[in-house]
Amino acid sequence: MKINDGHLSPTLRPLGFAVLIFINSSAVNGQNKKNNCEHPAKMLSKPSFSDEDRAKWKGKTVSGKVALVLNENGDVADARVLSASPREAAASLLDAAKRVKFAPRLGCGELKTDVIFTLNR
């Protein structure tokens, strides 16, 4: 093998690159088949209000839409209220959404999704 200034010779460069692509591509495909990264995340626990928020909104219908960013372990990494009815319930909705747990999706990266839920309907 001929080395020029610390680099592989031009004839070996394409071969090394092709092997890296092949290895990476097969690893990704194997994980996709095993983890089904293209399917929606499976919710293991539903959004729930704290006892304090339940008492605060007792007898009222509270609903909202919350944008979530899930990490590979199924935990909520970030959450943002998109809509809340009544508007004053936004903090309660955000707190409830952060308690949701999803099935792990190892090898899939972060997932962005929206959760819509209603309490006291």
PDB file of N, CA and C in Angstrom:
ATOM      1  N   MET A   1       0.851  -1.153   0.000  1.00  0.00           N
ATOM      2  CA  MET A   1       0.000   0.000   0.000  1.00  0.00           C
ATOM      3  C   MET A   1       0.899   1.218   0.000  1.00  0.00           C
ATOM      4  N   LYS A   2       0.644   2.132  -0.905  1.00  0.00           N
ATOM      5  CA  LYS A   2       1.442   3.337  -1.042  1.00  0.00           C
ATOM      6  C   LYS A   2       0.763   4.465  -0.273  1.00  0.00           C
ATOM      7  N   ILE A   3       1.520   5.172   0.553  1.00  0.00           N
ATOM      8  CA  ILE A   3       0.964   6.277   1.330  1.00  0.00           C
ATOM      9  C   ILE A   3       1.602   7.564   0.864  1.00  0.00           C
ATOM     10  N   ASN A   4       0.776   8.555   0.515  1.00  0.00           N
ATOM     11  CA  ASN A   4       1.241   9.875   0.085  1.00  0.00           C
ATOM     12  C   ASN A   4       0.790  10.894   1.111  1.00  0.00           C
ATOM     13  N   ASP A   5       1.701  11.523   1.815  1.00  0.00           N
ATOM     14  CA  ASP A   5       1.394  12.563   2.800  1.00  0.00           C
ATOM     15  C   ASP A   5       0.309  12.122   3.788  1.00  0.00           C
ATOM     16  N   GLY A   6       0.342  10.893   4.206  1.00  0.00           N
ATOM     17  CA  GLY A   6      -0.617  10.415   5.199  1.00  0.00           C
ATOM     18  C   GLY A   6      -1.963  10.002   4.623  1.00  0.00           C
ATOM     19  N   HIS A   7      -2.124   9.970   3.317  1.00  0.00           N
ATOM     20  CA  HIS A   7      -3.390   9.590   2.695  1.00  0.00           C
ATOM     21  C   HIS A   7      -3.213   8.300   1.912  1.00  0.00           C
ATOM     22  N   LEU A   8      -4.282   7.561   1.739  1.00  0.00           N
ATOM     23  CA  LEU A   8      -4.240   6.355   0.918  1.00  0.00           C
ATOM     24  C   LEU A   8      -4.050   6.742  -0.541  1.00  0.00           C
ATOM     25  N   SER A   9      -3.454   5.843  -1.293  1.00  0.00           N
ATOM     26  CA  SER A   9      -3.275   6.120  -2.718  1.00  0.00           C
ATOM     27  C   SER A   9      -4.648   6.230  -3.375  1.00  0.00           C
ATOM     28  N   PRO A  10      -4.768   6.964  -4.464  1.00  0.00           N
ATOM     29  CA  PRO A  10      -6.063   7.162  -5.128  1.00  0.00           C
ATOM     30  C   PRO A  10      -6.745   5.859  -5.512  1.00  0.00           C
ATOM     31  N   THR A  11      -6.003   4.791  -5.793  1.00  0.00           N
ATOM     32  CA  THR A  11      -6.632   3.533  -6.185  1.00  0.00           C
ATOM     33  C   THR A  11      -7.315   2.849  -5.009  1.00  0.00           C
ATOM     34  N   LEU A  12      -6.857   3.081  -3.777  1.00  0.00           N
ATOM     35  CA  LEU A  12      -7.469   2.435  -2.619  1.00  0.00           C
ATOM     36  C   LEU A  12      -8.590   3.270  -2.002  1.00  0.00           C
ATOM     37  N   ARG A  13      -8.605   4.566  -2.249  1.00  0.00           N
ATOM     38  CA  ARG A  13      -9.616   5.432  -1.664  1.00  0.00           C
ATOM     39  C   ARG A  13     -11.040   4.979  -1.985  1.00  0.00           C
ATOM     40  N   PRO A  14     -11.404   4.729  -3.239  1.00  0.00           N
ATOM     41  CA  PRO A  14     -12.785   4.317  -3.535  1.00  0.00           C
ATOM     42  C   PRO A  14     -13.171   3.006  -2.861  1.00  0.00           C
ATOM     43  N   LEU A  15     -12.269   2.067  -2.763  1.00  0.00           N
ATOM     44  CA  LEU A  15     -12.562   0.787  -2.133  1.00  0.00           C
ATOM     45  C   LEU A  15     -12.891   0.981  -0.660  1.00  0.00           C
ATOM     46  N   GLY A  16     -12.086   1.744   0.040  1.00  0.00           N
ATOM     47  CA  GLY A  16     -12.353   2.012   1.461  1.00  0.00           C
ATOM     48  C   GLY A  16     -13.684   2.698   1.660  1.00  0.00           C
ATOM     49  N   PHE A  17     -14.022   3.644   0.819  1.00  0.00           N
ATOM     50  CA  PHE A  17     -15.274   4.371   0.920  1.00  0.00           C
ATOM     51  C   PHE A  17     -16.450   3.435   0.680  1.00  0.00           C
ATOM     52  N   ALA A  18     -16.360   2.563  -0.297  1.00  0.00           N
ATOM     53  CA  ALA A  18     -17.439   1.630  -0.610  1.00  0.00           C
ATOM     54  C   ALA A  18     -17.686   0.683   0.564  1.00  0.00           C
ATOM     55  N   VAL A  19     -16.644   0.238   1.216  1.00  0.00           N
ATOM     56  CA  VAL A  19     -16.800  -0.666   2.355  1.00  0.00           C
ATOM     57  C   VAL A  19     -17.513   0.047   3.495  1.00  0.00           C
ATOM     58  N   LEU A  20     -17.145   1.306   3.758  1.00  0.00           N
ATOM     59  CA  LEU A  20     -17.810   2.061   4.824  1.00  0.00           C
ATOM     60  C   LEU A  20     -19.294   2.248   4.541  1.00  0.00           C
ATOM     61  N   ILE A  21     -19.628   2.558   3.318  1.00  0.00           N
ATOM     62  CA  ILE A  21     -21.035   2.721   2.960  1.00  0.00           C
ATOM     63  C   ILE A  21     -21.774   1.402   3.152  1.00  0.00           C
ATOM     64  N   PHE A  22     -21.188   0.322   2.707  1.00  0.00           N
ATOM     65  CA  PHE A  22     -21.830  -0.983   2.823  1.00  0.00           C
ATOM     66  C   PHE A  22     -22.051  -1.357   4.286  1.00  0.00           C
ATOM     67  N   ILE A  23     -21.050  -1.141   5.109  1.00  0.00           N
ATOM     68  CA  ILE A  23     -21.175  -1.484   6.527  1.00  0.00           C
ATOM     69  C   ILE A  23     -22.235  -0.620   7.185  1.00  0.00           C
ATOM     70  N   ASN A  24     -22.185   0.694   6.973  1.00  0.00           N
ATOM     71  CA  ASN A  24     -23.168   1.589   7.580  1.00  0.00           C
ATOM     72  C   ASN A  24     -24.565   1.307   7.070  1.00  0.00           C
ATOM     73  N   SER A  25     -24.698   1.082   5.784  1.00  0.00           N
ATOM     74  CA  SER A  25     -26.014   0.844   5.212  1.00  0.00           C
ATOM     75  C   SER A  25     -26.623  -0.447   5.738  1.00  0.00           C
ATOM     76  N   SER A  26     -25.861  -1.490   5.917  1.00  0.00           N
ATOM     77  CA  SER A  26     -26.435  -2.731   6.428  1.00  0.00           C
ATOM     78  C   SER A  26     -26.793  -2.592   7.900  1.00  0.00           C
ATOM     79  N   ALA A  27     -26.025  -1.839   8.662  1.00  0.00           N
ATOM     80  CA  ALA A  27     -26.350  -1.653  10.074  1.00  0.00           C
ATOM     81  C   ALA A  27     -27.643  -0.878  10.220  1.00  0.00           C
ATOM     82  N   VAL A  28     -27.836   0.164   9.427  1.00  0.00           N
ATOM     83  CA  VAL A  28     -29.057   0.958   9.497  1.00  0.00           C
ATOM     84  C   VAL A  28     -30.248   0.118   9.073  1.00  0.00           C
ATOM     85  N   ASN A  29     -30.115  -0.625   7.976  1.00  0.00           N
ATOM     86  CA  ASN A  29     -31.224  -1.457   7.521  1.00  0.00           C
ATOM     87  C   ASN A  29     -31.583  -2.513   8.547  1.00  0.00           C
ATOM     88  N   GLY A  30     -30.603  -3.089   9.187  1.00  0.00           N
ATOM     89  CA  GLY A  30     -30.873  -4.096  10.201  1.00  0.00           C
ATOM     90  C   GLY A  30     -31.637  -3.508  11.377  1.00  0.00           C
ATOM     91  N   GLN A  31     -31.292  -2.301  11.789  1.00  0.00           N
ATOM     92  CA  GLN A  31     -31.997  -1.671  12.892  1.00  0.00           C
ATOM     93  C   GLN A  31     -33.402  -1.280  12.487  1.00  0.00           C
ATOM     94  N   ASN A  32     -33.595  -0.808  11.268  1.00  0.00           N
ATOM     95  CA  ASN A  32     -34.927  -0.431  10.827  1.00  0.00           C
ATOM     96  C   ASN A  32     -35.863  -1.633  10.841  1.00  0.00           C
ATOM     97  N   LYS A  33     -35.380  -2.799  10.411  1.00  0.00           N
ATOM     98  CA  LYS A  33     -36.221  -3.984  10.412  1.00  0.00           C
ATOM     99  C   LYS A  33     -36.545  -4.402  11.832  1.00  0.00           C
ATOM    100  N   LYS A  34     -35.573  -4.304  12.724  1.00  0.00           N
ATOM    101  CA  LYS A  34     -35.765  -4.740  14.092  1.00  0.00           C
ATOM    102  C   LYS A  34     -36.644  -3.771  14.887  1.00  0.00           C
ATOM    103  N   ASN A  35     -36.447  -2.460  14.710  1.00  0.00           N
ATOM    104  CA  ASN A  35     -37.125  -1.471  15.522  1.00  0.00           C
ATOM    105  C   ASN A  35     -38.295  -0.782  14.834  1.00  0.00           C
ATOM    106  N   ASN A  36     -38.496  -1.012  13.552  1.00  0.00           N
ATOM    107  CA  ASN A  36     -39.577  -0.372  12.815  1.00  0.00           C
ATOM    108  C   ASN A  36     -39.609   1.131  13.048  1.00  0.00           C
ATOM    109  N   CYS A  37     -38.539   1.804  12.740  1.00  0.00           N
ATOM    110  CA  CYS A  37     -38.421   3.244  12.955  1.00  0.00           C
ATOM    111  C   CYS A  37     -39.438   4.044  12.153  1.00  0.00           C
ATOM    112  N   GLU A  38     -39.969   3.470  11.117  1.00  0.00           N
ATOM    113  CA  GLU A  38     -40.928   4.202  10.286  1.00  0.00           C
ATOM    114  C   GLU A  38     -42.341   4.164  10.864  1.00  0.00           C
ATOM    115  N   HIS A  39     -42.587   3.333  11.855  1.00  0.00           N
ATOM    116  CA  HIS A  39     -43.911   3.247  12.469  1.00  0.00           C
ATOM    117  C   HIS A  39     -44.033   4.247  13.605  1.00  0.00           C
ATOM    118  N   PRO A  40     -45.273   4.665  13.929  1.00  0.00           N
ATOM    119  CA  PRO A  40     -45.466   5.610  15.041  1.00  0.00           C
ATOM    120  C   PRO A  40     -44.983   5.022  16.357  1.00  0.00           C
ATOM    121  N   ALA A  41     -44.602   5.891  17.266  1.00  0.00           N
ATOM    122  CA  ALA A  41     -44.172   5.449  18.591  1.00  0.00           C
ATOM    123  C   ALA A  41     -45.380   4.907  19.348  1.00  0.00           C
ATOM    124  N   LYS A  42     -45.164   3.847  20.102  1.00  0.00           N
ATOM    125  CA  LYS A  42     -46.246   3.245  20.878  1.00  0.00           C
ATOM    126  C   LYS A  42     -46.277   3.886  22.268  1.00  0.00           C
ATOM    127  N   MET A  43     -47.434   4.456  22.625  1.00  0.00           N
ATOM    128  CA  MET A  43     -47.594   5.106  23.915  1.00  0.00           C
ATOM    129  C   MET A  43     -47.805   4.052  24.992  1.00  0.00           C
ATOM    130  N   LEU A  44     -46.945   4.059  26.012  1.00  0.00           N
ATOM    131  CA  LEU A  44     -47.056   3.101  27.111  1.00  0.00           C
ATOM    132  C   LEU A  44     -47.883   3.650  28.272  1.00  0.00           C
ATOM    133  N   SER A  45     -47.843   4.974  28.467  1.00  0.00           N
ATOM    134  CA  SER A  45     -48.670   5.601  29.503  1.00  0.00           C
ATOM    135  C   SER A  45     -49.294   6.855  28.918  1.00  0.00           C
ATOM    136  N   LYS A  46     -50.528   7.120  29.292  1.00  0.00           N
ATOM    137  CA  LYS A  46     -51.255   8.266  28.761  1.00  0.00           C
ATOM    138  C   LYS A  46     -50.904   9.526  29.549  1.00  0.00           C
ATOM    139  N   PRO A  47     -51.132  10.699  28.915  1.00  0.00           N
ATOM    140  CA  PRO A  47     -50.934  11.939  29.665  1.00  0.00           C
ATOM    141  C   PRO A  47     -51.868  11.965  30.868  1.00  0.00           C
ATOM    142  N   SER A  48     -51.375  12.414  32.000  1.00  0.00           N
ATOM    143  CA  SER A  48     -52.215  12.481  33.192  1.00  0.00           C
ATOM    144  C   SER A  48     -51.906  13.747  33.972  1.00  0.00           C
ATOM    145  N   PHE A  49     -52.949  14.346  34.515  1.00  0.00           N
ATOM    146  CA  PHE A  49     -52.780  15.547  35.326  1.00  0.00           C
ATOM    147  C   PHE A  49     -52.376  15.166  36.738  1.00  0.00           C
ATOM    148  N   SER A  50     -51.663  16.073  37.373  1.00  0.00           N
ATOM    149  CA  SER A  50     -51.337  15.890  38.792  1.00  0.00           C
ATOM    150  C   SER A  50     -52.628  16.007  39.591  1.00  0.00           C
ATOM    151  N   ASP A  51     -52.612  15.575  40.838  1.00  0.00           N
ATOM    152  CA  ASP A  51     -53.800  15.681  41.695  1.00  0.00           C
ATOM    153  C   ASP A  51     -54.236  17.143  41.833  1.00  0.00           C
ATOM    154  N   GLU A  52     -53.262  18.023  41.932  1.00  0.00           N
ATOM    155  CA  GLU A  52     -53.554  19.462  42.050  1.00  0.00           C
ATOM    156  C   GLU A  52     -54.264  19.985  40.800  1.00  0.00           C
ATOM    157  N   ASP A  53     -53.772  19.599  39.617  1.00  0.00           N
ATOM    158  CA  ASP A  53     -54.400  20.040  38.374  1.00  0.00           C
ATOM    159  C   ASP A  53     -55.773  19.406  38.191  1.00  0.00           C
ATOM    160  N   ARG A  54     -55.925  18.154  38.614  1.00  0.00           N
ATOM    161  CA  ARG A  54     -57.238  17.498  38.543  1.00  0.00           C
ATOM    162  C   ARG A  54     -58.261  18.265  39.371  1.00  0.00           C
ATOM    163  N   ALA A  55     -57.863  18.650  40.569  1.00  0.00           N
ATOM    164  CA  ALA A  55     -58.771  19.407  41.446  1.00  0.00           C
ATOM    165  C   ALA A  55     -59.074  20.774  40.825  1.00  0.00           C
ATOM    166  N   LYS A  56     -58.071  21.397  40.251  1.00  0.00           N
ATOM    167  CA  LYS A  56     -58.238  22.726  39.658  1.00  0.00           C
ATOM    168  C   LYS A  56     -59.230  22.702  38.492  1.00  0.00           C
ATOM    169  N   TRP A  57     -59.192  21.656  37.696  1.00  0.00           N
ATOM    170  CA  TRP A  57     -60.031  21.585  36.499  1.00  0.00           C
ATOM    171  C   TRP A  57     -61.233  20.661  36.658  1.00  0.00           C
ATOM    172  N   LYS A  58     -61.531  20.254  37.883  1.00  0.00           N
ATOM    173  CA  LYS A  58     -62.656  19.338  38.141  1.00  0.00           C
ATOM    174  C   LYS A  58     -63.968  19.926  37.608  1.00  0.00           C
ATOM    175  N   GLY A  59     -64.692  19.090  36.874  1.00  0.00           N
ATOM    176  CA  GLY A  59     -65.984  19.504  36.325  1.00  0.00           C
ATOM    177  C   GLY A  59     -65.888  20.297  35.033  1.00  0.00           C
ATOM    178  N   LYS A  60     -64.680  20.561  34.571  1.00  0.00           N
ATOM    179  CA  LYS A  60     -64.489  21.309  33.325  1.00  0.00           C
ATOM    180  C   LYS A  60     -63.828  20.411  32.293  1.00  0.00           C
ATOM    181  N   THR A  61     -64.149  20.641  31.057  1.00  0.00           N
ATOM    182  CA  THR A  61     -63.483  19.906  29.985  1.00  0.00           C
ATOM    183  C   THR A  61     -62.214  20.662  29.610  1.00  0.00           C
ATOM    184  N   VAL A  62     -61.100  19.965  29.684  1.00  0.00           N
ATOM    185  CA  VAL A  62     -59.804  20.531  29.322  1.00  0.00           C
ATOM    186  C   VAL A  62     -59.254  19.693  28.184  1.00  0.00           C
ATOM    187  N   SER A  63     -58.849  20.365  27.104  1.00  0.00           N
ATOM    188  CA  SER A  63     -58.263  19.632  25.986  1.00  0.00           C
ATOM    189  C   SER A  63     -57.122  20.443  25.410  1.00  0.00           C
ATOM    190  N   GLY A  64     -56.277  19.759  24.674  1.00  0.00           N
ATOM    191  CA  GLY A  64     -55.158  20.466  24.078  1.00  0.00           C
ATOM    192  C   GLY A  64     -54.348  19.593  23.154  1.00  0.00           C
ATOM    193  N   LYS A  65     -53.484  20.262  22.437  1.00  0.00           N
ATOM    194  CA  LYS A  65     -52.565  19.599  21.518  1.00  0.00           C
ATOM    195  C   LYS A  65     -51.156  20.025  21.921  1.00  0.00           C
ATOM    196  N   VAL A  66     -50.283  19.036  22.132  1.00  0.00           N
ATOM    197  CA  VAL A  66     -48.924  19.296  22.577  1.00  0.00           C
ATOM    198  C   VAL A  66     -47.945  18.626  21.617  1.00  0.00           C
ATOM    199  N   ALA A  67     -46.968  19.403  21.154  1.00  0.00           N
ATOM    200  CA  ALA A  67     -45.907  18.865  20.289  1.00  0.00           C
ATOM    201  C   ALA A  67     -44.830  18.272  21.188  1.00  0.00           C
ATOM    202  N   LEU A  68     -44.445  17.028  20.911  1.00  0.00           N
ATOM    203  CA  LEU A  68     -43.443  16.334  21.716  1.00  0.00           C
ATOM    204  C   LEU A  68     -42.229  15.975  20.875  1.00  0.00           C
ATOM    205  N   VAL A  69     -41.076  15.977  21.523  1.00  0.00           N
ATOM    206  CA  VAL A  69     -39.859  15.415  20.938  1.00  0.00           C
ATOM    207  C   VAL A  69     -39.480  14.269  21.861  1.00  0.00           C
ATOM    208  N   LEU A  70     -39.446  13.065  21.296  1.00  0.00           N
ATOM    209  CA  LEU A  70     -39.139  11.863  22.080  1.00  0.00           C
ATOM    210  C   LEU A  70     -37.714  11.424  21.815  1.00  0.00           C
ATOM    211  N   ASN A  71     -37.005  11.016  22.867  1.00  0.00           N
ATOM    212  CA  ASN A  71     -35.672  10.463  22.658  1.00  0.00           C
ATOM    213  C   ASN A  71     -35.794   8.972  22.350  1.00  0.00           C
ATOM    214  N   GLU A  72     -34.690   8.325  22.073  1.00  0.00           N
ATOM    215  CA  GLU A  72     -34.707   6.910  21.686  1.00  0.00           C
ATOM    216  C   GLU A  72     -35.198   5.991  22.797  1.00  0.00           C
ATOM    217  N   ASN A  73     -35.133   6.443  24.053  1.00  0.00           N
ATOM    218  CA  ASN A  73     -35.587   5.624  25.184  1.00  0.00           C
ATOM    219  C   ASN A  73     -37.085   5.727  25.415  1.00  0.00           C
ATOM    220  N   GLY A  74     -37.780   6.581  24.655  1.00  0.00           N
ATOM    221  CA  GLY A  74     -39.220   6.735  24.795  1.00  0.00           C
ATOM    222  C   GLY A  74     -39.618   7.815  25.789  1.00  0.00           C
ATOM    223  N   ASP A  75     -38.647   8.593  26.254  1.00  0.00           N
ATOM    224  CA  ASP A  75     -38.938   9.678  27.185  1.00  0.00           C
ATOM    225  C   ASP A  75     -39.178  10.971  26.413  1.00  0.00           C
ATOM    226  N   VAL A  76     -39.970  11.862  27.004  1.00  0.00           N
ATOM    227  CA  VAL A  76     -40.220  13.167  26.398  1.00  0.00           C
ATOM    228  C   VAL A  76     -38.992  14.040  26.651  1.00  0.00           C
ATOM    229  N   ALA A  77     -38.318  14.430  25.583  1.00  0.00           N
ATOM    230  CA  ALA A  77     -37.128  15.274  25.690  1.00  0.00           C
ATOM    231  C   ALA A  77     -37.507  16.749  25.646  1.00  0.00           C
ATOM    232  N   ASP A  78     -38.605  17.069  24.964  1.00  0.00           N
ATOM    233  CA  ASP A  78     -39.063  18.445  24.855  1.00  0.00           C
ATOM    234  C   ASP A  78     -40.563  18.425  24.576  1.00  0.00           C
ATOM    235  N   ALA A  79     -41.268  19.446  25.050  1.00  0.00           N
ATOM    236  CA  ALA A  79     -42.712  19.538  24.833  1.00  0.00           C
ATOM    237  C   ALA A  79     -43.093  21.006  24.698  1.00  0.00           C
ATOM    238  N   ARG A  80     -44.109  21.256  23.853  1.00  0.00           N
ATOM    239  CA  ARG A  80     -44.586  22.619  23.623  1.00  0.00           C
ATOM    240  C   ARG A  80     -46.083  22.559  23.357  1.00  0.00           C
ATOM    241  N   VAL A  81     -46.853  23.386  24.061  1.00  0.00           N
ATOM    242  CA  VAL A  81     -48.298  23.426  23.880  1.00  0.00           C
ATOM    243  C   VAL A  81     -48.608  24.159  22.577  1.00  0.00           C
ATOM    244  N   LEU A  82     -49.369  23.500  21.705  1.00  0.00           N
ATOM    245  CA  LEU A  82     -49.793  24.103  20.446  1.00  0.00           C
ATOM    246  C   LEU A  82     -51.152  24.772  20.586  1.00  0.00           C
ATOM    247  N   SER A  83     -52.027  24.158  21.386  1.00  0.00           N
ATOM    248  CA  SER A  83     -53.337  24.741  21.659  1.00  0.00           C
ATOM    249  C   SER A  83     -53.839  24.210  22.991  1.00  0.00           C
ATOM    250  N   ALA A  84     -54.638  25.029  23.673  1.00  0.00           N
ATOM    251  CA  ALA A  84     -55.204  24.629  24.963  1.00  0.00           C
ATOM    252  C   ALA A  84     -56.586  25.251  25.103  1.00  0.00           C
ATOM    253  N   SER A  85     -57.504  24.463  25.603  1.00  0.00           N
ATOM    254  CA  SER A  85     -58.850  24.958  25.854  1.00  0.00           C
ATOM    255  C   SER A  85     -59.288  24.482  27.227  1.00  0.00           C
ATOM    256  N   PRO A  86     -59.476  25.387  28.151  1.00  0.00           N
ATOM    257  CA  PRO A  86     -59.264  26.829  28.082  1.00  0.00           C
ATOM    258  C   PRO A  86     -57.776  27.169  28.042  1.00  0.00           C
ATOM    259  N   ARG A  87     -57.459  28.377  27.608  1.00  0.00           N
ATOM    260  CA  ARG A  87     -56.050  28.793  27.469  1.00  0.00           C
ATOM    261  C   ARG A  87     -55.287  28.695  28.782  1.00  0.00           C
ATOM    262  N   GLU A  88     -55.975  28.937  29.879  1.00  0.00           N
ATOM    263  CA  GLU A  88     -55.336  28.910  31.192  1.00  0.00           C
ATOM    264  C   GLU A  88     -54.846  27.515  31.575  1.00  0.00           C
ATOM    265  N   ALA A  89     -55.264  26.510  30.847  1.00  0.00           N
ATOM    266  CA  ALA A  89     -54.879  25.124  31.142  1.00  0.00           C
ATOM    267  C   ALA A  89     -53.567  24.728  30.466  1.00  0.00           C
ATOM    268  N   ALA A  90     -52.928  25.626  29.750  1.00  0.00           N
ATOM    269  CA  ALA A  90     -51.714  25.286  28.992  1.00  0.00           C
ATOM    270  C   ALA A  90     -50.627  24.687  29.881  1.00  0.00           C
ATOM    271  N   ALA A  91     -50.395  25.277  31.055  1.00  0.00           N
ATOM    272  CA  ALA A  91     -49.341  24.758  31.946  1.00  0.00           C
ATOM    273  C   ALA A  91     -49.683  23.355  32.430  1.00  0.00           C
ATOM    274  N   SER A  92     -50.962  23.117  32.722  1.00  0.00           N
ATOM    275  CA  SER A  92     -51.391  21.785  33.167  1.00  0.00           C
ATOM    276  C   SER A  92     -51.230  20.759  32.050  1.00  0.00           C
ATOM    277  N   LEU A  93     -51.576  21.157  30.832  1.00  0.00           N
ATOM    278  CA  LEU A  93     -51.423  20.257  29.679  1.00  0.00           C
ATOM    279  C   LEU A  93     -49.954  19.928  29.437  1.00  0.00           C
ATOM    280  N   LEU A  94     -49.105  20.929  29.545  1.00  0.00           N
ATOM    281  CA  LEU A  94     -47.675  20.719  29.339  1.00  0.00           C
ATOM    282  C   LEU A  94     -47.120  19.753  30.384  1.00  0.00           C
ATOM    283  N   ASP A  95     -47.486  19.957  31.636  1.00  0.00           N
ATOM    284  CA  ASP A  95     -47.023  19.081  32.717  1.00  0.00           C
ATOM    285  C   ASP A  95     -47.495  17.644  32.484  1.00  0.00           C
ATOM    286  N   ALA A  96     -48.750  17.486  32.077  1.00  0.00           N
ATOM    287  CA  ALA A  96     -49.294  16.146  31.829  1.00  0.00           C
ATOM    288  C   ALA A  96     -48.580  15.472  30.652  1.00  0.00           C
ATOM    289  N   ALA A  97     -48.312  16.226  29.612  1.00  0.00           N
ATOM    290  CA  ALA A  97     -47.664  15.655  28.433  1.00  0.00           C
ATOM    291  C   ALA A  97     -46.241  15.195  28.737  1.00  0.00           C
ATOM    292  N   LYS A  98     -45.561  15.883  29.621  1.00  0.00           N
ATOM    293  CA  LYS A  98     -44.187  15.507  29.962  1.00  0.00           C
ATOM    294  C   LYS A  98     -44.117  14.194  30.736  1.00  0.00           C
ATOM    295  N   ARG A  99     -45.236  13.747  31.272  1.00  0.00           N
ATOM    296  CA  ARG A  99     -45.278  12.479  32.022  1.00  0.00           C
ATOM    297  C   ARG A  99     -45.496  11.262  31.130  1.00  0.00           C
ATOM    298  N   VAL A 100     -45.785  11.458  29.877  1.00  0.00           N
ATOM    299  CA  VAL A 100     -46.076  10.356  28.959  1.00  0.00           C
ATOM    300  C   VAL A 100     -44.810   9.545  28.727  1.00  0.00           C
ATOM    301  N   LYS A 101     -44.963   8.242  28.627  1.00  0.00           N
ATOM    302  CA  LYS A 101     -43.851   7.337  28.339  1.00  0.00           C
ATOM    303  C   LYS A 101     -44.203   6.551  27.079  1.00  0.00           C
ATOM    304  N   PHE A 102     -43.231   6.468  26.173  1.00  0.00           N
ATOM    305  CA  PHE A 102     -43.392   5.718  24.933  1.00  0.00           C
ATOM    306  C   PHE A 102     -42.434   4.537  24.921  1.00  0.00           C
ATOM    307  N   ALA A 103     -42.727   3.558  24.077  1.00  0.00           N
ATOM    308  CA  ALA A 103     -41.846   2.402  23.922  1.00  0.00           C
ATOM    309  C   ALA A 103     -40.516   2.881  23.338  1.00  0.00           C
ATOM    310  N   PRO A 104     -39.401   2.326  23.815  1.00  0.00           N
ATOM    311  CA  PRO A 104     -38.093   2.705  23.267  1.00  0.00           C
ATOM    312  C   PRO A 104     -38.011   2.415  21.773  1.00  0.00           C
ATOM    313  N   ARG A 105     -37.258   3.254  21.075  1.00  0.00           N
ATOM    314  CA  ARG A 105     -37.027   3.100  19.629  1.00  0.00           C
ATOM    315  C   ARG A 105     -35.534   3.255  19.394  1.00  0.00           C
ATOM    316  N   LEU A 106     -34.765   2.348  19.970  1.00  0.00           N
ATOM    317  CA  LEU A 106     -33.310   2.423  19.898  1.00  0.00           C
ATOM    318  C   LEU A 106     -32.830   2.385  18.451  1.00  0.00           C
ATOM    319  N   GLY A 107     -31.905   3.259  18.132  1.00  0.00           N
ATOM    320  CA  GLY A 107     -31.366   3.328  16.783  1.00  0.00           C
ATOM    321  C   GLY A 107     -32.195   4.174  15.832  1.00  0.00           C
ATOM    322  N   CYS A 108     -33.288   4.740  16.305  1.00  0.00           N
ATOM    323  CA  CYS A 108     -34.175   5.518  15.434  1.00  0.00           C
ATOM    324  C   CYS A 108     -33.962   7.025  15.553  1.00  0.00           C
ATOM    325  N   GLY A 109     -33.233   7.481  16.553  1.00  0.00           N
ATOM    326  CA  GLY A 109     -33.061   8.913  16.744  1.00  0.00           C
ATOM    327  C   GLY A 109     -34.284   9.530  17.392  1.00  0.00           C
ATOM    328  N   GLU A 110     -34.292  10.864  17.485  1.00  0.00           N
ATOM    329  CA  GLU A 110     -35.422  11.567  18.088  1.00  0.00           C
ATOM    330  C   GLU A 110     -36.630  11.501  17.170  1.00  0.00           C
ATOM    331  N   LEU A 111     -37.809  11.576  17.761  1.00  0.00           N
ATOM    332  CA  LEU A 111     -39.056  11.548  17.009  1.00  0.00           C
ATOM    333  C   LEU A 111     -39.905  12.722  17.445  1.00  0.00           C
ATOM    334  N   LYS A 112     -40.443  13.456  16.481  1.00  0.00           N
ATOM    335  CA  LYS A 112     -41.353  14.558  16.769  1.00  0.00           C
ATOM    336  C   LYS A 112     -42.769  14.083  16.496  1.00  0.00           C
ATOM    337  N   THR A 113     -43.674  14.331  17.455  1.00  0.00           N
ATOM    338  CA  THR A 113     -45.055  13.916  17.303  1.00  0.00           C
ATOM    339  C   THR A 113     -45.951  14.856  18.088  1.00  0.00           C
ATOM    340  N   ASP A 114     -47.231  14.839  17.808  1.00  0.00           N
ATOM    341  CA  ASP A 114     -48.206  15.637  18.535  1.00  0.00           C
ATOM    342  C   ASP A 114     -49.129  14.717  19.315  1.00  0.00           C
ATOM    343  N   VAL A 115     -49.520  15.160  20.513  1.00  0.00           N
ATOM    344  CA  VAL A 115     -50.454  14.406  21.337  1.00  0.00           C
ATOM    345  C   VAL A 115     -51.663  15.301  21.585  1.00  0.00           C
ATOM    346  N   ILE A 116     -52.844  14.760  21.343  1.00  0.00           N
ATOM    347  CA  ILE A 116     -54.089  15.475  21.617  1.00  0.00           C
ATOM    348  C   ILE A 116     -54.827  14.692  22.690  1.00  0.00           C
ATOM    349  N   PHE A 117     -55.249  15.364  23.765  1.00  0.00           N
ATOM    350  CA  PHE A 117     -55.992  14.661  24.789  1.00  0.00           C
ATOM    351  C   PHE A 117     -57.008  15.557  25.466  1.00  0.00           C
ATOM    352  N   THR A 118     -57.982  14.938  26.133  1.00  0.00           N
ATOM    353  CA  THR A 118     -59.073  15.636  26.807  1.00  0.00           C
ATOM    354  C   THR A 118     -59.246  15.025  28.180  1.00  0.00           C
ATOM    355  N   LEU A 119     -59.538  15.867  29.164  1.00  0.00           N
ATOM    356  CA  LEU A 119     -59.799  15.420  30.532  1.00  0.00           C
ATOM    357  C   LEU A 119     -61.161  15.929  30.952  1.00  0.00           C
ATOM    358  N   ASN A 120     -61.872  15.131  31.756  1.00  0.00           N
ATOM    359  CA  ASN A 120     -63.188  15.503  32.303  1.00  0.00           C
ATOM    360  C   ASN A 120     -64.218  15.719  31.215  1.00  0.00           C
ATOM    361  N   ARG A 121     -64.247  14.854  30.289  1.00  0.00           N
ATOM    362  CA  ARG A 121     -65.204  14.980  29.189  1.00  0.00           C
ATOM    363  C   ARG A 121     -66.533  14.421  29.547  1.00  0.00           C
TER     364      ARG A 121
END
